[in-house]
Protein backbone atom coordinates (compact mmCIF):
# COMPACT_ATOMS: atom_id res chain seq x y z
CA MET A 1 146.23 310.70 295.21
CA ARG A 2 144.04 309.15 292.53
CA LYS A 3 143.51 306.02 294.62
CA GLN A 4 142.38 308.07 297.57
CA GLY A 5 140.07 310.16 295.36
CA MET A 6 138.24 307.17 293.89
CA SER A 7 137.72 305.37 297.16
CA ARG A 8 136.54 308.42 299.06
CA LYS A 9 134.38 310.00 296.30
CA ALA A 10 136.78 312.96 296.08
CA ILE A 11 138.19 314.61 292.98
CA SER A 12 141.27 312.77 291.70
CA ALA A 13 144.59 314.42 290.98
CA THR A 14 144.56 316.82 288.06
CA PRO A 15 147.47 317.23 285.63
CA ARG A 16 148.20 320.57 287.28
CA GLN A 17 148.51 318.86 290.66
CA LEU A 18 150.74 316.16 289.25
CA GLU A 19 152.99 318.81 287.65
CA SER A 20 153.20 320.55 291.01
CA LEU A 21 154.37 317.29 292.55
CA ILE A 22 157.08 317.08 289.96
CA ARG A 23 158.21 320.65 290.57
CA LEU A 24 158.26 320.08 294.35
CA ALA A 25 160.28 316.92 293.99
CA GLU A 26 162.74 318.72 291.70
CA ALA A 27 163.00 321.63 294.18
CA HIS A 28 163.68 319.22 297.04
CA ALA A 29 166.44 317.52 295.03
CA ARG A 30 167.97 320.97 294.33
CA CYS A 31 167.88 321.80 298.07
CA ARG A 32 169.91 318.65 298.60
CA LEU A 33 172.31 319.92 295.89
CA SER A 34 171.49 316.88 293.78
CA GLU A 35 171.31 316.73 289.99
CA THR A 36 168.77 313.89 290.10
CA VAL A 37 165.38 313.44 291.71
CA GLU A 38 165.29 310.38 294.00
CA ARG A 39 162.47 308.51 295.78
CA LEU A 40 163.00 310.53 298.96
CA ASP A 41 162.38 313.77 296.99
CA VAL A 42 159.15 312.40 295.58
CA ALA A 43 158.08 311.16 299.02
CA GLU A 44 158.71 314.60 300.50
CA ALA A 45 156.79 316.31 297.67
CA ILE A 46 153.77 314.01 298.30
CA ARG A 47 153.98 314.63 302.03
CA LEU A 48 154.05 318.40 301.52
CA VAL A 49 151.03 318.31 299.20
CA GLN A 50 149.09 316.07 301.61
CA VAL A 51 149.81 318.37 304.57
CA ALA A 52 148.87 321.44 302.56
CA LEU A 53 145.62 319.84 301.36
CA LEU A 54 144.71 318.71 304.85
CA SER A 55 145.31 322.13 306.37
CA ALA A 56 143.44 323.94 303.56
CA ALA A 57 140.52 321.51 303.38
CA THR A 58 139.89 321.03 307.11
CA ASN A 59 136.70 322.71 308.22
CA PRO A 60 137.67 324.80 311.26
CA THR A 61 134.29 324.39 312.94
CA THR A 62 133.92 320.63 312.53
CA GLY A 63 137.50 319.50 312.10
CA VAL A 64 136.40 317.33 309.15
CA VAL A 65 138.39 317.32 305.90
CA ASP A 66 136.15 318.71 303.15
CA MET A 67 137.70 318.90 299.66
CA ASP A 68 134.69 320.88 298.44
CA ALA A 69 136.06 323.88 300.34
CA ILE A 70 139.13 323.83 298.05
CA THR A 71 137.50 322.88 294.76
CA THR A 72 134.33 325.05 294.99
CA GLY A 73 135.20 327.67 297.56
CA ALA A 74 132.35 326.62 299.84
CA SER A 75 132.24 323.65 302.20
CA ALA A 76 129.64 320.90 301.69
CA ALA A 77 128.21 321.81 305.11
CA SER A 78 127.67 325.42 304.16
CA ARG A 79 126.04 324.44 300.87
CA ARG A 80 123.72 322.09 302.75
CA LEU A 81 122.80 324.90 305.16
CA VAL A 82 122.03 327.25 302.25
CA GLY A 83 119.83 324.55 300.78
CA VAL A 84 117.94 324.02 304.02
CA VAL A 85 117.41 327.75 304.52
CA SER A 86 116.23 328.32 300.98
CA ASP A 87 113.81 325.38 301.26
CA GLU A 88 112.39 326.80 304.46
CA ILE A 89 111.93 330.23 302.86
CA ARG A 90 110.10 328.66 299.91
CA LYS A 91 107.80 326.73 302.26
CA LEU A 92 107.07 329.85 304.27
CA LEU A 93 106.29 331.96 301.24
CA ALA A 94 104.09 329.25 299.73
CA ALA A 95 102.19 328.70 302.97
CA GLU A 96 101.48 332.32 303.81
CA ARG A 97 100.72 333.80 300.37
CA LYS A 98 101.41 337.35 301.65
CA VAL A 99 102.80 340.06 299.41
CA SER A 100 105.50 341.04 301.94
CA HIS A 101 107.06 339.55 305.09
CA LYS A 102 109.05 341.16 307.89
CA PHE A 103 112.61 339.93 307.95
CA LYS A 104 112.49 339.28 311.68
CA ASP A 105 109.38 337.09 311.31
CA VAL A 106 110.94 335.11 308.43
CA ARG A 107 114.19 334.66 310.36
CA ASP A 108 112.36 333.47 313.50
CA LYS A 109 110.18 331.00 311.61
CA ILE A 110 113.21 329.57 309.73
CA ALA A 111 115.15 329.27 313.02
CA LYS A 112 112.33 327.25 314.56
CA ALA A 113 112.09 325.00 311.46
CA MET A 114 115.85 324.31 311.22
CA PRO A 115 116.96 320.80 312.10
CA SER A 116 119.14 320.66 315.21
CA GLU A 117 122.14 319.09 313.37
CA VAL A 118 122.52 322.03 311.00
């Protein structure tokens, strides 16, 4: 997990995650009625964690794995979108120097200014 994290600029495994792997491997060994944890138990624990992370971190709209969704609660794409929208609002307010703006007007101007890939 740490190797993957370093090469893909993701967060590496935390001690808590490593302890979870140990518990999963031990549980798998117990399911086999074994007193000892073997390589196959560790391999199954790693597989289970990888599948769980993939299913939890996959953005349902894009299908892309985004670990930010797990670690921060918001996907990188949604944070980028919030940044673009807030930048457009700042530009609009700075350009028009009015005391108040109608929501519909602001929304329409932002929609026109949004890049097509967002």
